[in-house]
Amino acid sequence: MPRGTLDVLLVCAKGLKSTDFFTKMDPYVILTCRTQEQKSSVASGQGSEAEWNENFVFTISNGISELTLKIMDKDSLTSDDFVGKATIPLEPLFMEGNLPPTPYNVVKDEEYCGEIKIGLSFTPEQGGCEQEFCAEQESYGGWKESSF
């Protein structure tokens, strides 16, 4: 499995099923990549056609194979409502390196309830070891001192 950095561009959502009856939804997104979780800003009053244009960065390590986007509706008097979620497999991204902003289906209870558009890019980790560690190894009795 690849290791490196995953850059996510959260663009917009379209056609989300509204959870509010009298007002427009205030959607936000919780992005989860295994144990790492980040939250977008709230698209206040934008309803089912929300725009964010926000960037998020995740560290990819062994075993991470998908990104989950959980769309929520911010409520002030009650707990936030679950709108739906999208699960994006990362394998195609690892092969391509970049995926332009693409719409993904948002699903709730196995039912389509809109789409969310995101762009992805993956930067693989360079080399076999981190530079700090390699430099440290070299200065403590490494090959440099043994040549004297």
N, C-alpha and C. Protein backbone atom coordinates (compact mmCIF):
# COMPACT_ATOMS: atom_id res chain seq x y z
N MET A 1 0.83 -1.19 0.00
CA MET A 1 0.00 0.00 0.00
C MET A 1 0.88 1.25 0.00
N PRO A 2 0.47 2.25 -0.74
CA PRO A 2 1.25 3.49 -0.80
C PRO A 2 1.18 4.31 0.48
N ARG A 3 2.22 5.12 0.67
CA ARG A 3 2.27 6.07 1.77
C ARG A 3 2.51 7.44 1.16
N GLY A 4 1.94 8.47 1.77
CA GLY A 4 2.13 9.81 1.24
C GLY A 4 1.07 10.77 1.75
N THR A 5 0.77 11.78 0.92
CA THR A 5 -0.16 12.83 1.30
C THR A 5 -1.34 12.86 0.34
N LEU A 6 -2.53 12.90 0.91
CA LEU A 6 -3.76 12.99 0.14
C LEU A 6 -4.29 14.41 0.27
N ASP A 7 -4.45 15.10 -0.87
CA ASP A 7 -5.04 16.44 -0.89
C ASP A 7 -6.46 16.31 -1.42
N VAL A 8 -7.41 16.85 -0.67
CA VAL A 8 -8.82 16.77 -1.04
C VAL A 8 -9.34 18.19 -1.26
N LEU A 9 -9.95 18.42 -2.41
CA LEU A 9 -10.62 19.69 -2.69
C LEU A 9 -12.12 19.42 -2.64
N LEU A 10 -12.76 19.92 -1.59
CA LEU A 10 -14.21 19.78 -1.44
C LEU A 10 -14.85 20.94 -2.21
N VAL A 11 -15.51 20.63 -3.32
CA VAL A 11 -16.03 21.67 -4.20
C VAL A 11 -17.46 22.05 -3.83
N CYS A 12 -18.41 21.14 -4.05
CA CYS A 12 -19.81 21.49 -3.84
C CYS A 12 -20.68 20.24 -3.70
N ALA A 13 -21.95 20.46 -3.41
CA ALA A 13 -22.94 19.39 -3.37
C ALA A 13 -24.15 19.85 -4.17
N LYS A 14 -24.82 18.92 -4.81
CA LYS A 14 -26.00 19.25 -5.61
C LYS A 14 -27.10 18.23 -5.34
N GLY A 15 -28.32 18.72 -5.31
CA GLY A 15 -29.48 17.84 -5.20
C GLY A 15 -29.61 17.08 -3.89
N LEU A 16 -29.03 17.61 -2.82
CA LEU A 16 -29.14 16.93 -1.52
C LEU A 16 -30.59 16.95 -1.05
N LYS A 17 -31.03 15.85 -0.45
CA LYS A 17 -32.39 15.80 0.10
C LYS A 17 -32.42 16.63 1.39
N SER A 18 -33.30 17.59 1.44
CA SER A 18 -33.38 18.49 2.58
C SER A 18 -33.91 17.79 3.82
N THR A 19 -33.30 18.12 4.95
CA THR A 19 -33.76 17.58 6.23
C THR A 19 -34.56 18.63 7.00
N ASP A 20 -34.57 19.86 6.48
CA ASP A 20 -35.32 20.94 7.12
C ASP A 20 -36.61 21.21 6.34
N PHE A 21 -37.72 21.40 7.07
CA PHE A 21 -39.00 21.60 6.41
C PHE A 21 -39.32 23.07 6.15
N PHE A 22 -38.90 23.94 7.04
CA PHE A 22 -39.29 25.34 6.93
C PHE A 22 -38.17 26.27 6.44
N THR A 23 -36.94 25.84 6.60
CA THR A 23 -35.81 26.68 6.18
C THR A 23 -34.87 25.87 5.30
N LYS A 24 -33.89 26.56 4.73
CA LYS A 24 -32.88 25.87 3.93
C LYS A 24 -31.88 25.18 4.84
N MET A 25 -31.35 24.05 4.36
CA MET A 25 -30.33 23.32 5.12
C MET A 25 -29.06 24.15 5.25
N ASP A 26 -28.29 23.84 6.28
CA ASP A 26 -26.96 24.43 6.49
C ASP A 26 -25.96 23.27 6.49
N PRO A 27 -25.61 22.74 5.31
CA PRO A 27 -24.79 21.53 5.26
C PRO A 27 -23.31 21.78 5.55
N TYR A 28 -22.69 20.76 6.12
CA TYR A 28 -21.24 20.70 6.28
C TYR A 28 -20.82 19.26 6.09
N VAL A 29 -19.53 19.04 5.91
CA VAL A 29 -19.03 17.70 5.60
C VAL A 29 -17.97 17.29 6.61
N ILE A 30 -18.07 16.05 7.08
CA ILE A 30 -17.04 15.45 7.92
C ILE A 30 -16.27 14.48 7.03
N LEU A 31 -14.99 14.77 6.80
CA LEU A 31 -14.14 13.94 5.94
C LEU A 31 -13.35 13.00 6.84
N THR A 32 -13.39 11.70 6.57
CA THR A 32 -12.71 10.71 7.39
C THR A 32 -11.85 9.81 6.52
N CYS A 33 -10.60 9.70 6.94
CA CYS A 33 -9.65 8.82 6.27
C CYS A 33 -9.06 7.95 7.39
N ARG A 34 -9.63 6.77 7.58
CA ARG A 34 -9.35 5.87 8.70
C ARG A 34 -9.54 6.59 10.03
N THR A 35 -8.48 6.94 10.78
CA THR A 35 -8.65 7.58 12.09
C THR A 35 -8.57 9.10 12.01
N GLN A 36 -8.22 9.64 10.86
CA GLN A 36 -8.10 11.09 10.70
C GLN A 36 -9.46 11.66 10.29
N GLU A 37 -9.88 12.72 10.98
CA GLU A 37 -11.17 13.32 10.70
C GLU A 37 -11.03 14.84 10.63
N GLN A 38 -11.63 15.44 9.60
CA GLN A 38 -11.63 16.89 9.46
C GLN A 38 -13.04 17.32 9.08
N LYS A 39 -13.35 18.58 9.40
CA LYS A 39 -14.70 19.09 9.17
C LYS A 39 -14.65 20.36 8.34
N SER A 40 -15.55 20.45 7.37
CA SER A 40 -15.63 21.65 6.53
C SER A 40 -16.36 22.75 7.30
N SER A 41 -16.38 23.93 6.71
CA SER A 41 -17.19 25.01 7.27
C SER A 41 -18.65 24.70 6.96
N VAL A 42 -19.54 25.40 7.61
CA VAL A 42 -20.98 25.22 7.39
C VAL A 42 -21.39 26.15 6.25
N ALA A 43 -22.05 25.57 5.23
CA ALA A 43 -22.55 26.36 4.11
C ALA A 43 -23.92 26.90 4.51
N SER A 44 -23.91 27.95 5.31
CA SER A 44 -25.14 28.49 5.91
C SER A 44 -26.16 28.94 4.86
N GLY A 45 -27.38 28.40 5.00
CA GLY A 45 -28.49 28.81 4.16
C GLY A 45 -28.37 28.42 2.69
N GLN A 46 -27.39 27.57 2.34
CA GLN A 46 -27.22 27.22 0.93
C GLN A 46 -28.08 26.02 0.51
N GLY A 47 -28.71 25.37 1.47
CA GLY A 47 -29.63 24.29 1.15
C GLY A 47 -28.99 23.11 0.45
N SER A 48 -29.71 22.58 -0.53
CA SER A 48 -29.26 21.36 -1.21
C SER A 48 -28.24 21.63 -2.32
N GLU A 49 -27.90 22.90 -2.56
CA GLU A 49 -26.91 23.26 -3.59
C GLU A 49 -25.76 24.03 -2.92
N ALA A 50 -25.01 23.35 -2.05
CA ALA A 50 -23.98 24.00 -1.25
C ALA A 50 -22.63 24.08 -1.97
N GLU A 51 -21.87 25.14 -1.68
CA GLU A 51 -20.51 25.29 -2.22
C GLU A 51 -19.55 25.54 -1.08
N TRP A 52 -18.36 24.88 -1.16
CA TRP A 52 -17.34 25.06 -0.12
C TRP A 52 -16.02 25.55 -0.71
N ASN A 53 -15.50 24.87 -1.72
CA ASN A 53 -14.18 25.15 -2.29
C ASN A 53 -13.11 25.23 -1.19
N GLU A 54 -13.02 24.16 -0.40
CA GLU A 54 -12.07 24.07 0.71
C GLU A 54 -11.11 22.91 0.47
N ASN A 55 -9.87 23.09 0.96
CA ASN A 55 -8.85 22.04 0.84
C ASN A 55 -8.59 21.37 2.18
N PHE A 56 -8.33 20.07 2.11
CA PHE A 56 -8.01 19.27 3.29
C PHE A 56 -6.83 18.37 2.96
N VAL A 57 -5.98 18.09 3.94
CA VAL A 57 -4.80 17.25 3.72
C VAL A 57 -4.82 16.11 4.73
N PHE A 58 -4.60 14.88 4.23
CA PHE A 58 -4.54 13.69 5.07
C PHE A 58 -3.22 12.98 4.82
N THR A 59 -2.72 12.29 5.84
CA THR A 59 -1.52 11.47 5.70
C THR A 59 -1.97 10.05 5.41
N ILE A 60 -1.47 9.50 4.32
CA ILE A 60 -1.84 8.14 3.92
C ILE A 60 -0.75 7.18 4.37
N SER A 61 -1.17 6.14 5.08
CA SER A 61 -0.23 5.10 5.50
C SER A 61 -0.80 3.74 5.09
N ASN A 62 -0.09 2.69 5.42
CA ASN A 62 -0.51 1.34 5.03
C ASN A 62 -1.94 1.04 5.45
N GLY A 63 -2.68 0.45 4.54
CA GLY A 63 -4.03 0.00 4.86
C GLY A 63 -5.15 1.00 4.62
N ILE A 64 -4.84 2.22 4.28
CA ILE A 64 -5.91 3.20 4.01
C ILE A 64 -6.33 3.05 2.56
N SER A 65 -7.60 2.71 2.36
CA SER A 65 -8.06 2.43 1.00
C SER A 65 -9.26 3.26 0.58
N GLU A 66 -9.83 4.06 1.51
CA GLU A 66 -10.99 4.86 1.13
C GLU A 66 -11.09 6.13 1.95
N LEU A 67 -11.83 7.07 1.38
CA LEU A 67 -12.14 8.34 2.02
C LEU A 67 -13.65 8.38 2.18
N THR A 68 -14.13 8.72 3.38
CA THR A 68 -15.57 8.80 3.62
C THR A 68 -15.97 10.25 3.85
N LEU A 69 -17.02 10.67 3.16
CA LEU A 69 -17.57 12.02 3.32
C LEU A 69 -18.97 11.88 3.91
N LYS A 70 -19.15 12.43 5.10
CA LYS A 70 -20.44 12.35 5.78
C LYS A 70 -21.04 13.75 5.75
N ILE A 71 -22.17 13.91 5.08
CA ILE A 71 -22.81 15.22 4.96
C ILE A 71 -23.82 15.37 6.09
N MET A 72 -23.70 16.49 6.80
CA MET A 72 -24.56 16.78 7.94
C MET A 72 -25.25 18.12 7.72
N ASP A 73 -26.38 18.30 8.41
CA ASP A 73 -27.11 19.57 8.38
C ASP A 73 -27.03 20.18 9.77
N LYS A 74 -26.40 21.34 9.86
CA LYS A 74 -26.22 22.03 11.15
C LYS A 74 -27.57 22.58 11.63
N ASP A 75 -27.92 22.19 12.84
CA ASP A 75 -29.15 22.70 13.46
C ASP A 75 -28.77 23.41 14.75
N SER A 76 -29.46 24.51 15.05
CA SER A 76 -29.10 25.26 16.26
C SER A 76 -29.84 24.78 17.50
N LEU A 77 -31.06 24.35 17.40
CA LEU A 77 -31.82 23.97 18.59
C LEU A 77 -31.81 22.46 18.86
N THR A 78 -31.61 21.66 17.83
CA THR A 78 -31.58 20.21 17.98
C THR A 78 -30.23 19.68 17.50
N SER A 79 -30.02 18.37 17.64
CA SER A 79 -28.75 17.81 17.16
C SER A 79 -28.72 17.85 15.63
N ASP A 80 -27.51 17.91 15.07
CA ASP A 80 -27.34 18.00 13.63
C ASP A 80 -27.92 16.76 12.95
N ASP A 81 -28.50 16.96 11.75
CA ASP A 81 -29.12 15.85 11.01
C ASP A 81 -28.13 15.23 10.03
N PHE A 82 -28.19 13.90 9.93
CA PHE A 82 -27.39 13.16 8.95
C PHE A 82 -28.10 13.25 7.61
N VAL A 83 -27.42 13.77 6.58
CA VAL A 83 -28.01 13.92 5.25
C VAL A 83 -27.71 12.69 4.40
N GLY A 84 -26.45 12.23 4.46
CA GLY A 84 -26.03 11.07 3.67
C GLY A 84 -24.52 10.99 3.65
N LYS A 85 -23.99 9.94 2.99
CA LYS A 85 -22.54 9.82 2.93
C LYS A 85 -22.10 9.29 1.58
N ALA A 86 -20.84 9.57 1.27
CA ALA A 86 -20.21 9.07 0.05
C ALA A 86 -18.90 8.41 0.46
N THR A 87 -18.65 7.23 -0.09
CA THR A 87 -17.40 6.52 0.18
C THR A 87 -16.62 6.46 -1.12
N ILE A 88 -15.40 6.99 -1.09
CA ILE A 88 -14.58 7.07 -2.30
C ILE A 88 -13.39 6.13 -2.19
N PRO A 89 -13.31 5.13 -3.08
CA PRO A 89 -12.14 4.24 -3.07
C PRO A 89 -10.91 5.00 -3.55
N LEU A 90 -9.78 4.81 -2.90
CA LEU A 90 -8.56 5.56 -3.23
C LEU A 90 -7.63 4.83 -4.20
N GLU A 91 -7.90 3.57 -4.48
CA GLU A 91 -7.03 2.79 -5.37
C GLU A 91 -6.82 3.45 -6.74
N PRO A 92 -7.89 3.94 -7.42
CA PRO A 92 -7.68 4.61 -8.71
C PRO A 92 -6.79 5.85 -8.57
N LEU A 93 -6.91 6.56 -7.45
CA LEU A 93 -6.09 7.75 -7.21
C LEU A 93 -4.62 7.37 -7.06
N PHE A 94 -4.34 6.27 -6.35
CA PHE A 94 -2.95 5.84 -6.16
C PHE A 94 -2.30 5.52 -7.51
N MET A 95 -3.08 5.02 -8.46
CA MET A 95 -2.54 4.69 -9.79
C MET A 95 -2.38 5.94 -10.66
N GLU A 96 -3.35 6.87 -10.58
CA GLU A 96 -3.35 8.06 -11.44
C GLU A 96 -2.54 9.23 -10.87
N GLY A 97 -2.58 9.40 -9.56
CA GLY A 97 -1.92 10.54 -8.92
C GLY A 97 -2.84 11.73 -8.72
N ASN A 98 -3.71 11.99 -9.70
CA ASN A 98 -4.66 13.11 -9.63
C ASN A 98 -6.00 12.68 -10.20
N LEU A 99 -7.08 13.10 -9.56
CA LEU A 99 -8.42 12.91 -10.12
C LEU A 99 -9.08 14.28 -10.09
N PRO A 100 -9.50 14.80 -11.26
CA PRO A 100 -10.12 16.13 -11.30
C PRO A 100 -11.43 16.11 -10.50
N PRO A 101 -11.97 17.30 -10.16
CA PRO A 101 -13.24 17.32 -9.42
C PRO A 101 -14.30 16.46 -10.12
N THR A 102 -14.79 15.49 -9.37
CA THR A 102 -15.71 14.48 -9.89
C THR A 102 -16.89 14.36 -8.93
N PRO A 103 -18.11 14.21 -9.48
CA PRO A 103 -19.27 14.02 -8.59
C PRO A 103 -19.36 12.57 -8.10
N TYR A 104 -19.67 12.39 -6.83
CA TYR A 104 -19.88 11.08 -6.24
C TYR A 104 -21.27 11.05 -5.62
N ASN A 105 -21.93 9.90 -5.71
CA ASN A 105 -23.27 9.76 -5.15
C ASN A 105 -23.26 9.83 -3.63
N VAL A 106 -24.25 10.56 -3.10
CA VAL A 106 -24.47 10.62 -1.66
C VAL A 106 -25.63 9.66 -1.38
N VAL A 107 -25.43 8.77 -0.40
CA VAL A 107 -26.40 7.72 -0.13
C VAL A 107 -26.80 7.75 1.34
N LYS A 108 -28.07 7.51 1.59
CA LYS A 108 -28.58 7.36 2.96
C LYS A 108 -29.56 6.19 2.95
N ASP A 109 -29.33 5.22 3.81
CA ASP A 109 -30.16 4.01 3.86
C ASP A 109 -30.27 3.35 2.48
N GLU A 110 -29.13 3.24 1.81
CA GLU A 110 -29.01 2.63 0.48
C GLU A 110 -29.84 3.32 -0.59
N GLU A 111 -30.19 4.58 -0.36
CA GLU A 111 -30.99 5.35 -1.31
C GLU A 111 -30.23 6.60 -1.75
N TYR A 112 -30.22 6.88 -3.06
CA TYR A 112 -29.56 8.06 -3.61
C TYR A 112 -30.21 9.32 -3.06
N CYS A 113 -29.38 10.26 -2.57
CA CYS A 113 -29.96 11.51 -2.06
C CYS A 113 -29.10 12.72 -2.41
N GLY A 114 -28.52 12.71 -3.63
CA GLY A 114 -27.75 13.85 -4.11
C GLY A 114 -26.35 13.45 -4.50
N GLU A 115 -25.52 14.46 -4.76
CA GLU A 115 -24.13 14.18 -5.11
C GLU A 115 -23.21 15.24 -4.52
N ILE A 116 -21.95 14.84 -4.34
CA ILE A 116 -20.94 15.74 -3.81
C ILE A 116 -19.75 15.69 -4.76
N LYS A 117 -19.19 16.86 -5.06
CA LYS A 117 -18.08 16.92 -6.02
C LYS A 117 -16.78 17.22 -5.27
N ILE A 118 -15.78 16.35 -5.50
CA ILE A 118 -14.46 16.56 -4.90
C ILE A 118 -13.36 16.25 -5.91
N GLY A 119 -12.24 16.93 -5.73
CA GLY A 119 -11.03 16.66 -6.50
C GLY A 119 -10.01 16.04 -5.56
N LEU A 120 -9.20 15.12 -6.08
CA LEU A 120 -8.22 14.42 -5.25
C LEU A 120 -6.84 14.44 -5.90
N SER A 121 -5.80 14.55 -5.07
CA SER A 121 -4.45 14.35 -5.58
C SER A 121 -3.64 13.64 -4.51
N PHE A 122 -2.73 12.77 -4.96
CA PHE A 122 -1.92 11.98 -4.05
C PHE A 122 -0.45 12.21 -4.36
N THR A 123 0.33 12.53 -3.31
CA THR A 123 1.77 12.71 -3.45
C THR A 123 2.45 11.60 -2.66
N PRO A 124 3.11 10.66 -3.35
CA PRO A 124 3.76 9.55 -2.64
C PRO A 124 4.92 10.03 -1.78
N GLU A 125 5.17 9.29 -0.71
CA GLU A 125 6.30 9.58 0.17
C GLU A 125 7.58 9.27 -0.59
N GLN A 126 8.58 10.13 -0.46
CA GLN A 126 9.84 9.96 -1.20
C GLN A 126 10.83 9.12 -0.42
N GLY A 127 11.55 8.24 -1.10
CA GLY A 127 12.65 7.50 -0.50
C GLY A 127 12.24 6.45 0.49
N GLY A 128 13.24 5.73 0.99
CA GLY A 128 13.00 4.64 1.91
C GLY A 128 12.90 5.08 3.36
N CYS A 129 13.52 6.20 3.71
CA CYS A 129 13.42 6.66 5.09
C CYS A 129 13.31 8.18 5.10
N GLU A 130 12.82 8.70 6.20
CA GLU A 130 12.67 10.15 6.29
C GLU A 130 14.04 10.80 6.40
N GLN A 131 14.19 11.98 5.83
CA GLN A 131 15.49 12.64 5.76
C GLN A 131 16.12 12.86 7.13
N GLU A 132 15.36 13.26 8.14
CA GLU A 132 15.92 13.50 9.47
C GLU A 132 16.56 12.23 10.01
N PHE A 133 15.87 11.12 9.86
CA PHE A 133 16.35 9.85 10.36
C PHE A 133 17.62 9.44 9.62
N CYS A 134 17.65 9.58 8.29
CA CYS A 134 18.82 9.22 7.50
C CYS A 134 20.04 10.07 7.88
N ALA A 135 19.84 11.36 8.07
CA ALA A 135 20.95 12.25 8.43
C ALA A 135 21.48 11.89 9.81
N GLU A 136 20.57 11.53 10.72
CA GLU A 136 20.96 11.16 12.07
C GLU A 136 21.81 9.89 12.04
N GLN A 137 21.42 8.93 11.24
CA GLN A 137 22.14 7.67 11.10
C GLN A 137 23.57 7.91 10.62
N GLU A 138 23.71 8.80 9.65
CA GLU A 138 25.00 9.09 9.04
C GLU A 138 25.99 9.70 10.03
N SER A 139 25.53 10.53 10.96
CA SER A 139 26.44 11.25 11.84
C SER A 139 26.88 10.45 13.07
N TYR A 140 26.29 9.32 13.35
CA TYR A 140 26.66 8.52 14.52
C TYR A 140 27.36 7.24 14.10
N GLY A 141 28.66 7.30 13.88
CA GLY A 141 29.46 6.11 13.59
C GLY A 141 29.09 5.43 12.28
N GLY A 142 28.57 6.19 11.35
CA GLY A 142 28.20 5.62 10.06
C GLY A 142 29.42 5.46 9.18
N TRP A 143 29.22 5.26 7.91
CA TRP A 143 30.30 5.00 6.96
C TRP A 143 31.29 6.14 6.85
N LYS A 144 30.84 7.40 7.16
CA LYS A 144 31.76 8.55 7.04
C LYS A 144 32.95 8.42 7.99
N GLU A 145 32.69 8.03 9.27
CA GLU A 145 33.77 7.93 10.23
C GLU A 145 34.63 6.69 10.05
N SER A 146 34.09 5.63 9.49
CA SER A 146 34.84 4.38 9.38
C SER A 146 35.92 4.44 8.29
N SER A 147 35.94 5.48 7.47
CA SER A 147 36.95 5.57 6.40
C SER A 147 38.26 6.18 6.87
N PHE A 148 38.37 6.63 8.13
CA PHE A 148 39.59 7.26 8.61
C PHE A 148 40.59 6.25 9.10
